[in-house]
Protein backbone atom coordinates (compact mmCIF):
# COMPACT_ATOMS: atom_id res chain seq x y z
CA MET A 1 -2.78 3.78 22.48
CA GLY A 2 -0.37 1.65 24.66
CA LEU A 3 -0.35 -1.67 22.60
CA ASP A 4 1.42 -3.69 25.13
CA LYS A 5 -2.25 -4.55 26.46
CA ASP A 6 -2.86 -6.49 23.32
CA LYS A 7 -4.11 -3.57 21.35
CA GLU A 8 -2.32 -4.59 17.86
CA PRO A 9 -4.27 -2.98 15.26
CA SER A 10 -4.15 -5.17 11.83
CA GLY A 11 -3.43 -3.41 8.66
CA THR A 12 -1.41 -3.34 5.48
CA SER A 13 2.25 -2.39 4.68
CA PRO A 14 3.37 1.31 4.43
CA ASN A 15 3.41 0.98 0.78
CA GLY A 16 0.42 -1.67 0.54
CA ASN A 17 -2.04 -1.47 -2.21
CA GLU A 18 -4.21 -4.46 -1.06
CA GLU A 19 -7.32 -5.74 -2.49
CA ARG A 20 -9.89 -4.10 -0.56
CA SER A 21 -13.52 -4.38 0.24
CA GLY A 22 -15.38 -1.25 0.49
CA GLU A 23 -17.32 0.52 -2.40
CA ARG A 24 -14.10 2.26 -3.91
CA GLY A 25 -11.91 -0.75 -3.67
CA LEU A 26 -10.62 0.20 -0.07
CA ASP A 27 -10.72 -1.97 3.57
CA PHE A 28 -13.17 -0.45 6.10
CA ILE A 29 -11.09 1.97 7.63
CA ARG A 30 -9.65 3.27 4.68
CA GLN A 31 -13.19 3.89 3.38
CA ILE A 32 -13.78 5.94 6.28
CA VAL A 33 -10.56 8.13 5.73
CA ALA A 34 -11.73 8.89 2.31
CA ASP A 35 -15.24 9.73 3.43
CA ASP A 36 -13.89 12.14 5.84
CA ILE A 37 -11.28 13.29 3.22
CA ARG A 38 -14.32 14.30 0.90
CA THR A 39 -16.54 15.57 3.16
CA GLY A 40 -13.86 17.58 4.93
CA LYS A 41 -14.45 16.14 8.32
CA TRP A 42 -10.96 17.31 9.64
CA GLY A 43 -10.34 20.21 7.03
CA GLY A 44 -8.96 17.53 4.81
CA ARG A 45 -6.23 16.45 7.44
CA VAL A 46 -5.39 12.94 7.89
CA ALA A 47 -3.04 12.12 11.10
CA THR A 48 -2.38 8.56 12.77
CA ARG A 49 0.22 7.27 15.31
CA PHE A 50 1.59 4.44 16.64
CA PRO A 51 1.59 4.81 20.51
CA PRO A 52 3.14 1.68 22.01
CA GLU A 53 3.60 1.45 25.79
CA PRO A 54 7.64 1.06 26.44
CA ASN A 55 7.23 -1.98 29.04
CA GLY A 56 8.55 -4.79 26.60
CA TYR A 57 9.58 -5.30 23.10
CA LEU A 58 7.04 -4.91 19.98
CA HIS A 59 5.84 -8.14 18.63
CA ILE A 60 4.34 -9.45 14.86
CA GLY A 61 0.82 -7.70 15.99
CA HIS A 62 2.38 -4.29 16.58
CA ALA A 63 4.42 -4.59 13.07
CA LYS A 64 0.81 -4.78 11.61
CA SER A 65 -0.37 -1.69 13.71
CA ILE A 66 2.50 0.27 12.36
CA CYS A 67 1.72 -1.12 8.75
CA LEU A 68 -1.63 0.02 8.85
CA ASN A 69 -1.34 3.40 10.72
CA TYR A 70 1.84 4.54 8.97
CA GLY A 71 0.23 3.01 5.73
CA ILE A 72 -2.97 5.25 5.85
CA ALA A 73 -0.80 8.22 6.75
CA GLU A 74 1.44 7.70 3.30
CA GLU A 75 -1.47 6.97 0.98
CA PHE A 76 -3.62 9.63 2.33
CA GLY A 77 -1.04 12.33 2.39
CA GLY A 78 -0.94 12.71 6.06
CA GLN A 79 1.29 12.45 9.01
CA PHE A 80 2.28 9.53 11.44
CA ASN A 81 3.34 10.24 14.92
CA LEU A 82 5.56 7.57 16.96
CA ARG A 83 4.42 8.19 20.60
CA PHE A 84 5.25 6.45 23.44
CA ASP A 85 2.38 5.84 25.87
CA ASP A 86 4.68 6.09 28.81
CA THR A 87 1.93 6.01 31.60
CA ASN A 88 2.89 3.28 34.20
CA PRO A 89 6.41 3.68 35.34
CA GLU A 90 6.31 0.35 37.39
CA LYS A 91 7.16 -1.55 33.96
CA GLU A 92 8.81 1.11 31.66
CA GLU A 93 12.17 1.12 30.72
CA GLN A 94 14.95 3.08 28.55
CA GLU A 95 15.92 0.00 26.93
CA TYR A 96 12.44 -0.79 25.65
CA VAL A 97 12.18 2.85 24.35
CA ASN A 98 15.33 2.28 22.56
CA ALA A 99 14.19 -1.24 20.97
CA ILE A 100 10.78 -0.03 19.90
CA ILE A 101 12.60 3.05 17.67
CA ALA A 102 14.70 0.64 16.50
CA ASP A 103 11.80 -1.62 15.47
CA VAL A 104 9.42 0.72 13.73
CA ARG A 105 12.29 2.35 12.05
CA TRP A 106 13.64 -0.91 10.50
CA LEU A 107 10.03 -1.74 9.26
CA GLY A 108 10.30 0.93 7.39
CA ALA A 109 7.68 3.69 9.09
CA ASP A 110 9.08 7.40 9.03
CA TRP A 111 7.75 9.64 11.66
CA GLY A 112 10.15 12.33 10.89
CA ASP A 113 10.35 15.03 13.79
CA ARG A 114 7.07 13.43 15.47
CA LEU A 115 8.48 11.60 18.21
CA PHE A 116 6.26 12.09 21.19
CA TYR A 117 5.75 10.80 25.03
CA ALA A 118 2.39 10.77 26.67
CA SER A 119 4.54 12.16 29.86
CA ASP A 120 5.28 15.25 28.14
CA TYR A 121 1.19 16.09 28.53
CA PHE A 122 1.18 15.13 32.42
CA GLY A 123 1.06 18.77 33.10
CA ARG A 124 -1.85 19.47 30.64
CA MET A 125 -3.43 16.01 31.65
CA TYR A 126 -3.46 17.09 35.23
CA GLU A 127 -4.89 20.73 34.49
CA TRP A 128 -7.81 19.03 32.85
CA ALA A 129 -8.52 16.84 35.96
CA VAL A 130 -8.51 19.70 38.05
CA GLU A 131 -10.83 21.35 35.35
CA LEU A 132 -13.36 18.38 35.93
CA ILE A 133 -13.36 18.47 39.72
CA ARG A 134 -14.36 22.44 39.47
CA LYS A 135 -17.05 21.03 36.97
CA GLY A 136 -18.27 18.67 39.57
CA ARG A 137 -17.17 15.80 36.90
CA ALA A 138 -14.45 14.35 39.10
CA TYR A 139 -13.76 13.62 43.03
CA VAL A 140 -11.41 11.79 45.00
CA CYS A 141 -12.08 8.38 46.45
CA ASP A 142 -10.77 6.76 49.02
CA LEU A 143 -11.99 3.32 48.42
CA ASN A 144 -9.30 0.68 48.12
CA GLY A 145 -9.00 -1.70 45.01
CA ASP A 146 -10.88 -4.36 46.31
CA GLN A 147 -13.42 -2.23 47.14
CA VAL A 148 -13.63 -0.44 44.23
CA ARG A 149 -14.36 -3.70 42.27
CA GLU A 150 -16.70 -4.34 44.91
CA TYR A 151 -19.04 -1.07 44.51
CA ARG A 152 -18.73 -1.50 40.67
CA GLY A 153 -21.46 -4.00 40.25
CA THR A 154 -22.15 -6.22 37.74
CA LEU A 155 -23.28 -6.95 34.45
CA THR A 156 -26.54 -7.89 35.26
CA GLN A 157 -26.62 -5.38 38.60
CA PRO A 158 -25.83 -2.09 39.05
CA GLY A 159 -23.11 -0.74 40.88
CA ARG A 160 -23.29 1.29 44.29
CA GLU A 161 -22.01 4.85 44.48
CA SER A 162 -18.97 5.50 46.57
CA PRO A 163 -19.17 6.84 49.97
CA TYR A 164 -16.68 9.60 48.90
CA ARG A 165 -18.63 10.43 45.77
CA ASN A 166 -20.39 14.05 46.91
CA ARG A 167 -17.20 15.44 48.72
CA THR A 168 -17.37 19.32 47.83
CA SER A 169 -15.19 20.52 45.10
CA ALA A 170 -13.16 22.18 47.19
CA GLU A 171 -12.28 19.47 49.36
CA ASN A 172 -11.44 17.17 46.41
CA LEU A 173 -9.27 20.03 44.77
CA ASP A 174 -7.43 20.19 48.28
CA LEU A 175 -6.97 16.19 48.39
CA PHE A 176 -5.92 15.71 44.17
CA GLU A 177 -3.56 18.50 45.06
CA ARG A 178 -2.09 16.73 48.03
CA MET A 179 -2.16 13.16 46.09
CA ARG A 180 0.20 15.34 43.37
CA ARG A 181 2.88 16.24 46.27
CA GLY A 182 2.81 12.58 47.39
CA GLU A 183 1.21 12.92 50.98
CA PHE A 184 -0.48 9.77 50.73
CA PRO A 185 0.49 6.30 50.17
CA ASP A 186 0.05 3.72 46.95
CA GLY A 187 -3.35 2.75 46.58
CA SER A 188 -5.18 4.94 49.39
CA ARG A 189 -6.96 7.20 47.01
CA THR A 190 -7.79 7.79 43.55
CA LEU A 191 -9.59 10.53 41.30
CA ARG A 192 -12.64 8.95 39.87
CA ALA A 193 -14.71 10.21 37.08
CA LYS A 194 -18.38 10.98 38.25
CA ILE A 195 -20.51 9.29 35.47
CA ASP A 196 -22.93 6.53 36.50
CA MET A 197 -22.99 3.79 38.63
CA ALA A 198 -25.95 2.23 37.12
CA HIS A 199 -24.69 2.61 33.79
CA PRO A 200 -24.78 -0.69 31.03
CA ASN A 201 -21.13 -0.23 30.15
CA LEU A 202 -19.48 -1.18 33.20
CA ASN A 203 -16.46 1.58 31.71
CA LEU A 204 -18.59 4.32 32.52
CA ARG A 205 -19.36 3.22 36.27
CA ASP A 206 -16.98 6.13 37.58
CA PRO A 207 -14.09 4.73 36.22
CA ILE A 208 -10.46 5.91 37.95
CA MET A 209 -8.52 8.66 36.47
CA TYR A 210 -5.42 8.98 38.53
CA ARG A 211 -3.93 6.53 41.01
CA ILE A 212 -1.14 7.44 43.64
CA LEU A 213 2.34 5.82 42.74
CA HIS A 214 5.42 6.60 44.26
CA GLU A 215 7.82 5.54 41.52
CA THR A 216 10.57 6.82 39.34
CA HIS A 217 9.76 7.80 35.85
CA HIS A 218 12.25 7.01 33.16
CA ARG A 219 11.84 10.59 31.71
CA GLN A 220 10.48 12.59 34.80
CA GLY A 221 12.11 11.17 37.56
CA ASP A 222 10.21 11.63 41.00
CA ARG A 223 8.36 14.65 39.55
CA TRP A 224 5.32 12.94 39.92
CA ASN A 225 3.47 11.03 42.56
CA ILE A 226 0.13 10.30 40.77
CA TYR A 227 -0.06 8.39 37.02
CA PRO A 228 -2.97 8.97 34.48
CA MET A 229 -4.88 5.77 33.93
CA TYR A 230 -4.68 4.54 29.92
CA ASP A 231 -8.51 5.63 29.49
CA TRP A 232 -8.05 9.18 30.78
CA ALA A 233 -4.75 9.37 28.82
CA HIS A 234 -5.12 8.12 25.61
CA GLY A 235 -7.64 10.34 24.34
CA PHE A 236 -5.79 13.30 25.65
CA GLU A 237 -2.98 12.18 23.98
CA ASP A 238 -4.27 11.88 20.41
CA SER A 239 -5.96 15.46 21.12
CA LEU A 240 -2.79 17.19 21.56
CA GLU A 241 -1.27 15.69 18.68
CA GLY A 242 -4.22 16.90 16.30
CA ILE A 243 -4.69 13.07 15.38
CA THR A 244 -7.63 12.41 13.27
CA HIS A 245 -8.09 8.61 13.37
CA SER A 246 -7.07 6.64 16.75
CA ILE A 247 -6.95 3.15 15.47
CA CYS A 248 -7.45 0.36 18.06
CA THR A 249 -8.72 -3.12 18.35
CA LEU A 250 -11.96 -4.55 19.20
CA GLU A 251 -11.67 -5.50 22.80
CA PHE A 252 -11.55 -1.23 23.12
CA GLU A 253 -14.79 -1.00 21.61
CA ASN A 254 -16.63 -0.63 24.69
CA HIS A 255 -13.80 1.99 25.69
CA ARG A 256 -15.03 4.08 23.44
CA PRO A 257 -17.70 5.97 25.05
CA LEU A 258 -15.44 6.93 27.87
CA TYR A 259 -12.91 7.77 25.14
CA ASP A 260 -15.81 10.50 23.94
CA TRP A 261 -17.05 11.01 27.77
CA PHE A 262 -13.72 12.39 29.02
CA LEU A 263 -13.03 14.49 25.71
CA ASP A 264 -16.73 16.20 25.91
CA ALA A 265 -16.60 16.75 29.83
CA VAL A 266 -13.55 19.14 28.94
CA ASN A 267 -15.13 20.75 26.16
CA GLU A 268 -18.22 21.37 28.26
CA GLY A 269 -18.43 25.15 28.66
CA ARG A 270 -15.84 25.69 25.95
CA THR A 271 -16.38 27.01 22.67
CA ASP A 272 -14.94 27.04 19.19
CA ASP A 273 -13.79 30.95 19.50
CA GLY A 274 -12.42 30.92 23.09
CA SER A 275 -15.51 32.86 24.33
CA GLY A 276 -17.21 30.01 26.92
CA PRO A 277 -16.05 30.18 30.37
CA TRP A 278 -13.67 27.42 30.24
CA GLY A 279 -11.95 28.62 27.16
CA LYS A 280 -11.69 27.73 23.45
CA LYS A 281 -12.47 23.51 22.37
CA ILE A 282 -9.86 20.84 22.38
CA HIS A 283 -9.65 18.37 19.46
CA HIS A 284 -11.69 15.51 19.63
CA PRO A 285 -10.50 12.49 17.29
CA GLN A 286 -12.38 9.65 16.26
CA GLN A 287 -11.79 6.08 17.44
CA ILE A 288 -12.19 3.34 15.11
CA GLU A 289 -11.85 -0.28 16.12
CA PHE A 290 -11.16 -3.70 14.33
CA ALA A 291 -9.95 -7.07 14.99
CA ARG A 292 -6.61 -7.84 16.50
CA LEU A 293 -4.20 -10.35 14.94
CA SER A 294 -4.03 -14.09 16.63
CA LEU A 295 -1.49 -16.32 14.84
CA THR A 296 -1.19 -20.19 15.25
CA TYR A 297 1.60 -21.68 17.40
CA THR A 298 1.87 -18.11 18.65
CA VAL A 299 1.48 -16.23 21.89
CA MET A 300 1.56 -12.54 21.74
CA SER A 301 0.29 -10.90 25.33
CA LYS A 302 3.40 -9.25 26.24
CA ARG A 303 2.71 -10.63 29.94
CA LYS A 304 3.41 -13.93 28.38
CA LEU A 305 6.28 -12.88 26.36
CA LEU A 306 7.81 -11.22 29.30
CA LYS A 307 7.36 -14.38 31.27
CA LEU A 308 9.23 -16.30 28.63
CA VAL A 309 12.02 -13.77 28.85
CA LYS A 310 12.09 -13.40 32.77
CA GLU A 311 12.40 -17.28 33.65
CA ASN A 312 14.74 -18.17 30.72
CA PHE A 313 12.42 -20.52 28.48
CA VAL A 314 14.07 -18.24 25.43
CA ARG A 315 17.44 -16.44 25.12
CA GLY A 316 15.74 -13.07 25.19
CA TRP A 317 13.46 -10.76 23.59
CA ASP A 318 15.14 -11.24 20.23
CA ASP A 319 15.42 -14.99 20.56
CA PRO A 320 14.52 -16.08 16.74
CA ARG A 321 11.92 -18.21 18.20
CA MET A 322 10.04 -15.17 19.57
CA PRO A 323 7.23 -13.28 17.55
CA THR A 324 8.72 -10.12 18.56
CA ILE A 325 10.22 -7.71 15.74
CA SER A 326 13.68 -8.04 17.01
CA GLY A 327 13.35 -11.67 17.06
CA LEU A 328 12.11 -12.20 13.75
CA ARG A 329 15.13 -9.77 12.22
CA ARG A 330 17.49 -11.94 14.04
CA ARG A 331 16.16 -14.77 12.42
CA GLY A 332 16.05 -13.58 9.01
CA TYR A 333 13.02 -12.01 8.64
CA SER A 334 12.80 -8.88 6.16
CA PRO A 335 11.05 -5.64 6.89
CA ALA A 336 9.19 -6.32 3.14
CA ALA A 337 8.12 -9.91 3.90
CA LEU A 338 6.50 -8.12 7.00
CA ARG A 339 4.80 -5.89 5.18
CA GLY A 340 3.58 -8.16 2.51
CA PHE A 341 2.42 -10.51 4.93
CA ALA A 342 0.13 -7.18 6.79
CA LYS A 343 -1.16 -6.53 3.09
CA VAL A 344 -2.15 -9.91 2.59
CA ILE A 345 -3.96 -10.39 5.72
CA GLY A 346 -5.46 -6.91 5.54
CA VAL A 347 -8.02 -5.41 8.09
CA ASN A 348 -11.15 -6.83 9.48
CA LYS A 349 -14.18 -6.78 12.12
CA PHE A 350 -14.22 -10.42 12.91
CA HIS A 351 -11.79 -12.14 14.77
CA SER A 352 -10.19 -14.99 13.40
CA THR A 353 -6.86 -16.90 13.52
CA VAL A 354 -4.02 -16.52 10.79
CA ASP A 355 -2.14 -20.02 10.08
CA ILE A 356 1.44 -19.15 10.79
CA ALA A 357 2.28 -20.97 7.20
CA LEU A 358 1.01 -17.87 5.90
CA LEU A 359 3.29 -15.45 7.47
CA GLU A 360 6.12 -18.29 6.06
CA HIS A 361 4.75 -18.15 2.75
CA CYS A 362 4.89 -14.18 2.38
CA LEU A 363 8.50 -14.78 3.62
CA ARG A 364 9.41 -17.19 1.31
CA GLU A 365 7.90 -15.04 -1.73
CA ASP A 366 10.38 -12.13 -0.52
CA LEU A 367 13.40 -14.50 0.14
CA ASN A 368 13.54 -16.11 -2.80
CA GLN A 369 13.57 -12.81 -4.92
CA THR A 370 16.28 -11.09 -2.74
CA SER A 371 18.50 -13.77 -1.22
CA PRO A 372 21.55 -14.84 -2.81
CA ARG A 373 22.24 -18.68 -3.15
CA VAL A 374 25.10 -20.37 -1.79
CA MET A 375 25.66 -24.13 -0.68
CA ALA A 376 26.07 -25.50 2.99
CA VAL A 377 26.33 -28.74 4.13
CA LEU A 378 24.92 -29.36 7.49
CA ARG A 379 25.85 -32.93 8.50
CA PRO A 380 29.11 -33.53 6.54
CA LEU A 381 29.88 -36.98 4.80
CA LYS A 382 33.44 -36.81 3.09
CA VAL A 383 33.73 -38.05 -0.36
CA VAL A 384 37.31 -38.56 -2.08
CA ILE A 385 37.29 -38.39 -5.64
CA ASP A 386 39.95 -40.80 -6.39
CA ASN A 387 40.56 -40.01 -10.17
CA TYR A 388 40.69 -36.24 -9.42
CA PRO A 389 44.35 -35.00 -9.56
CA GLU A 390 45.56 -34.01 -5.90
CA GLY A 391 46.10 -30.84 -4.84
CA GLN A 392 44.46 -29.08 -7.95
CA VAL A 393 41.39 -26.73 -6.83
CA GLU A 394 39.15 -25.36 -9.75
CA GLU A 395 36.93 -22.61 -9.60
CA LEU A 396 33.62 -22.95 -10.93
CA ASP A 397 30.85 -20.45 -11.74
CA ALA A 398 27.72 -20.74 -9.81
CA ILE A 399 24.36 -18.77 -10.06
CA ASN A 400 24.02 -16.21 -7.27
CA ASN A 401 20.20 -15.69 -7.62
CA PRO A 402 18.22 -17.61 -10.71
CA GLU A 403 15.39 -15.09 -9.59
CA ASP A 404 17.56 -12.04 -10.55
CA PRO A 405 20.06 -12.35 -13.50
CA SER A 406 21.66 -9.02 -12.27
CA ALA A 407 23.09 -10.52 -9.40
CA GLY A 408 25.86 -12.72 -11.56
CA THR A 409 27.42 -15.22 -10.76
CA ARG A 410 30.57 -16.30 -8.03
CA GLN A 411 33.41 -18.88 -8.07
CA VAL A 412 32.86 -21.89 -6.09
CA PRO A 413 35.91 -24.15 -5.57
CA PHE A 414 36.15 -27.91 -6.47
CA SER A 415 38.94 -30.45 -5.24
CA ARG A 416 39.48 -33.86 -4.67
CA GLU A 417 37.58 -34.03 -0.89
CA LEU A 418 34.57 -33.13 -0.93
CA TYR A 419 31.79 -32.71 1.67
CA ILE A 420 27.82 -33.77 0.87
CA GLU A 421 25.01 -34.13 3.25
CA GLN A 422 25.00 -37.51 5.18
CA GLU A 423 21.28 -37.96 4.04
CA ASP A 424 22.12 -37.70 0.42
CA PHE A 425 23.68 -41.12 0.72
CA LEU A 426 22.34 -44.78 1.46
CA GLU A 427 23.95 -48.13 0.89
CA ASN A 428 20.79 -50.23 0.34
CA PRO A 429 18.46 -47.50 -0.93
CA PRO A 430 14.96 -48.12 -1.31
CA LYS A 431 12.98 -48.13 -5.01
CA LYS A 432 12.45 -44.07 -4.99
CA PHE A 433 15.82 -43.13 -3.59
CA PHE A 434 17.66 -41.82 -6.36
CA ARG A 435 20.49 -39.76 -4.76
CA LEU A 436 24.06 -41.16 -4.10
CA ALA A 437 24.57 -45.23 -3.62
CA PRO A 438 27.02 -47.99 -4.16
CA GLY A 439 27.53 -47.76 -8.19
CA ARG A 440 25.35 -44.96 -8.63
CA GLU A 441 25.79 -41.98 -10.52
CA VAL A 442 24.55 -38.34 -9.76
CA ARG A 443 25.32 -34.78 -10.84
CA LEU A 444 27.34 -32.49 -8.56
CA ARG A 445 25.92 -29.03 -8.71
CA TYR A 446 27.65 -26.90 -10.96
CA ALA A 447 30.50 -29.38 -11.20
CA TYR A 448 30.64 -33.17 -12.71
CA PHE A 449 29.07 -36.59 -12.81
CA VAL A 450 30.45 -38.72 -9.90
CA THR A 451 30.19 -42.69 -9.49
CA CYS A 452 30.34 -43.83 -5.66
CA THR A 453 32.56 -47.02 -5.76
CA ASP A 454 33.43 -47.34 -2.10
CA VAL A 455 32.11 -47.31 1.33
CA VAL A 456 34.38 -46.80 4.38
CA LYS A 457 32.94 -47.35 7.77
CA ASP A 458 34.07 -46.89 11.31
CA ALA A 459 34.22 -49.87 14.14
CA GLY A 460 30.64 -49.20 14.77
CA GLY A 461 29.33 -49.94 10.96
CA HIS A 462 28.69 -46.06 10.49
CA VAL A 463 29.37 -44.90 6.97
CA ILE A 464 32.47 -41.96 7.74
CA GLU A 465 33.68 -41.68 3.89
CA LEU A 466 32.99 -42.36 0.22
CA HIS A 467 34.88 -42.86 -3.05
CA CYS A 468 33.92 -41.85 -6.04
CA LEU A 469 35.03 -41.61 -9.84
CA TYR A 470 34.16 -38.63 -11.84
CA ASP A 471 33.41 -37.80 -15.57
CA PRO A 472 35.80 -34.73 -16.74
CA ALA A 473 33.90 -34.46 -19.56
CA THR A 474 30.69 -33.63 -17.48
CA ARG A 475 31.76 -30.06 -16.09
CA GLY A 476 29.11 -28.02 -15.32
CA GLY A 477 26.51 -29.81 -18.16
CA ASP A 478 25.21 -33.02 -19.11
CA ALA A 479 27.39 -35.77 -20.65
CA PRO A 480 28.31 -35.64 -24.07
CA ASP A 481 27.07 -39.40 -24.40
CA GLY A 482 23.83 -38.38 -23.76
CA ARG A 483 23.42 -40.22 -20.38
CA LYS A 484 20.87 -38.86 -17.66
CA VAL A 485 21.24 -38.59 -13.71
CA LYS A 486 18.11 -38.16 -11.54
CA ALA A 487 19.60 -36.35 -8.82
CA THR A 488 21.85 -33.48 -8.25
CA LEU A 489 23.33 -33.01 -4.97
CA HIS A 490 25.12 -29.68 -3.25
CA TRP A 491 28.66 -30.23 -1.82
CA LEU A 492 31.41 -28.26 -0.78
CA SER A 493 35.52 -28.73 -1.46
CA ALA A 494 36.91 -30.06 2.06
CA ALA A 495 39.87 -28.02 2.00
CA ARG A 496 38.14 -24.59 1.18
CA ALA A 497 34.83 -24.63 3.30
CA ARG A 498 34.16 -22.89 6.31
CA ARG A 499 33.32 -24.31 9.26
CA ALA A 500 29.66 -22.92 11.05
CA GLU A 501 27.48 -23.63 13.28
CA VAL A 502 23.95 -23.55 12.27
CA ARG A 503 20.79 -23.39 14.44
CA LEU A 504 17.73 -24.99 13.50
CA TYR A 505 14.47 -23.40 14.64
CA ASP A 506 10.58 -24.64 14.90
CA ASN A 507 7.59 -23.54 16.31
CA LEU A 508 7.86 -22.55 20.36
CA PHE A 509 4.93 -24.28 20.65
CA THR A 510 3.82 -27.46 20.08
CA PRO A 511 -0.12 -26.97 19.41
CA PRO A 512 -1.37 -24.66 17.27
CA ASP A 513 -3.15 -22.85 20.21
CA PRO A 514 -0.60 -22.45 22.64
CA GLU A 515 -3.14 -21.31 25.12
CA ALA A 516 -5.58 -24.49 25.19
CA VAL A 517 -4.15 -26.01 28.48
CA PRO A 518 -5.73 -28.05 31.12
CA GLU A 519 -7.09 -26.40 33.86
CA GLY A 520 -3.93 -25.30 36.58
CA GLN A 521 -1.71 -25.43 33.84
CA GLU A 522 0.12 -22.47 32.17
CA PHE A 523 0.77 -21.72 28.34
CA THR A 524 4.08 -23.02 29.20
CA ALA A 525 2.99 -26.56 29.58
CA ASN A 526 2.81 -26.12 26.06
CA LEU A 527 6.34 -25.40 24.93
CA ASN A 528 8.10 -27.41 22.39
CA PRO A 529 11.09 -29.22 23.39
CA ASN A 530 12.65 -29.45 19.97
CA SER A 531 12.11 -25.77 19.18
CA LEU A 532 15.57 -25.67 18.60
CA ALA A 533 18.63 -27.91 17.53
CA VAL A 534 22.31 -26.96 17.25
CA LEU A 535 24.37 -28.22 14.72
CA PRO A 536 27.71 -27.25 15.70
CA ASP A 537 30.16 -28.90 13.17
CA CYS A 538 28.88 -27.58 9.48
CA TYR A 539 30.37 -26.16 6.59
CA VAL A 540 29.51 -23.21 4.19
CA GLU A 541 31.13 -21.77 0.81
CA PRO A 542 34.26 -19.63 1.40
CA SER A 543 31.94 -16.97 -0.43
CA VAL A 544 30.27 -16.00 2.99
CA ALA A 545 33.40 -15.57 4.74
CA GLY A 546 32.95 -11.76 6.50
CA ALA A 547 29.28 -12.03 5.52
CA ARG A 548 27.49 -9.32 8.41
CA PRO A 549 25.34 -9.92 10.83
CA LEU A 550 21.54 -10.44 9.70
CA THR A 551 22.96 -11.29 6.24
CA ARG A 552 20.44 -13.93 4.44
CA TYR A 553 21.01 -16.87 2.20
CA GLN A 554 19.51 -19.47 0.50
CA PHE A 555 21.26 -22.34 1.13
CA GLU A 556 20.98 -24.73 -1.89
CA ARG A 557 18.27 -27.67 -1.07
CA LEU A 558 18.20 -26.76 2.46
CA GLY A 559 16.15 -23.43 3.05
CA TYR A 560 16.72 -20.02 4.10
CA PHE A 561 19.46 -19.16 6.44
CA CYS A 562 20.55 -15.81 8.12
CA VAL A 563 24.08 -14.69 9.89
CA ASP A 564 23.65 -14.36 13.63
CA PRO A 565 25.14 -11.63 15.61
CA ASP A 566 26.80 -14.24 17.56
CA SER A 567 29.18 -15.20 14.46
CA THR A 568 32.93 -14.03 15.07
CA ALA A 569 35.70 -13.75 12.41
CA GLU A 570 36.82 -17.57 13.22
CA ARG A 571 33.48 -18.94 13.18
CA LEU A 572 30.02 -18.21 11.49
CA VAL A 573 26.45 -18.88 12.68
CA PHE A 574 23.11 -19.28 10.75
CA ASN A 575 19.81 -19.25 11.81
CA ARG A 576 17.46 -21.40 9.57
CA THR A 577 15.32 -18.73 9.05
CA VAL A 578 12.30 -21.02 7.16
CA THR A 579 12.58 -24.46 5.18
CA LEU A 580 11.92 -24.23 1.58
CA LYS A 581 8.92 -26.34 1.76
CA ASP A 582 6.11 -24.01 1.27
CA THR A 583 2.96 -25.27 3.38
CA TRP A 584 0.60 -22.45 2.54
CA ALA A 585 1.28 -23.05 -1.26
CA LYS A 586 0.22 -26.45 -1.34
CA ILE A 587 -2.68 -25.87 0.74
CA GLN A 588 -3.96 -23.11 -2.01
CA GLN A 589 -2.97 -25.43 -4.64
CA SER A 590 -5.10 -28.20 -3.19
CA GLN A 591 -8.22 -25.77 -2.82
CA PRO A 592 -11.02 -26.20 -5.28
CA GLN A 593 -11.14 -23.80 -7.76
CA GLY A 594 -14.56 -21.73 -8.42
């Protein structure tokens, strides 16, 4: 199914073994799969698919769907397909196909040789549509779009039958074939299923199966002038691929009777052995629905995301503020973090909104284990160690990752002139400020104790340089005389540091619910004007020189950062992935224990 229509099932990671709620410890979807295996419903088979429509880039909701569908196939020894629901050439592009393939592969799903396209099945779908016409189950209708909606009725009033509903099969076959050949203009005719215009489910009031569309398809070219509607195509795509469990979100629960009706209508007159008048029965998968993902401070409608891109509210689909997989990847998210998030939120049958703090918590959990530590200074303040020998450079040992002893150590250069963060010095500090101040001693990480002895200001009274003295006896450890300091600062050698640009990202929207706007306004009114701050004059350790794009680091005391693809050999660019502060962990710690 094309997940661009906000059909992003939630789920677990490809390798997830989440805490589950079923009678055997499974979530309700996996419970269905396990029961089907036990009863032999599908001959012990499990087949799932991820079916995006290539009309935009995938977002984090789609990541949940990938994790769920691939995870089920992997856990139950089944197969997983990647299928493009490319039934709408007006909005689909090869760029999107390529991006989706890259995203699904990056997330860790493996579809083997099972890459499919709905457009490959257009011929079979057309034949089945002709079959329904012959069976008297479909007809060509000349009502335009507005008239179709008018005739449809409401939830409280039945619809009216189209005046074209009782055309003969011969007339319908002729008109449908002429539609296919391109004899009629767009919107002039449709093929509709003949079901029940008084049905309480509006989806079954003679739904449209095909519309006329003279548009070049990104794979089929100009071969087709009619294109199947999603509800008609979706079940047959699943059927042709032998899908056993067709997973979608709750808004498609009311579409399930139509999914079943189309398959049953084709199977009418068919038999298991093929001896019936219409041949052998086709496979009829099972559709299962559950709640989609909603995330605070985030929109996940592909239409809204496209608006952000097309109207230049963001720099593109991979802007690190976007909830797209490519945007999250560029920001520094790891596949493991997204899989872990999917595992934590699980699967349910009711709508709820997930706090973005939980996503960031899952991200920190992964990055803390895997990211090498380096020192960086974002807003530099120069420090001169007056009693340190001019021209001397020491190489000091620094730990690469305290969570991973196998990561070892690196060498960090120390020299007479250093950079520290501006915020780590105050000339007149308040009582609980323990960092550097006139006359105060602090520790420099991996290096020495230093004491501030003088402050240099510019003509405007701004501090531009500090002078300090260091204690040679404190290299890499405590003072021999036992004196203590209350703060440890990160720093960089001014002579050896690499210049860098750092981009600090915040939520793209200001309120938790971006779509809560006054009547007459669009969701873009809630865009956060401070979602990006660019710091052009930062410094990083020389050890990161030559780092490949998307390499992730923890900048000590500052947060997690990722090398941006805009980086060059002359100038590194870093994106802040997430801060060190873990809001979700604090929320959890504050909850009463029971």
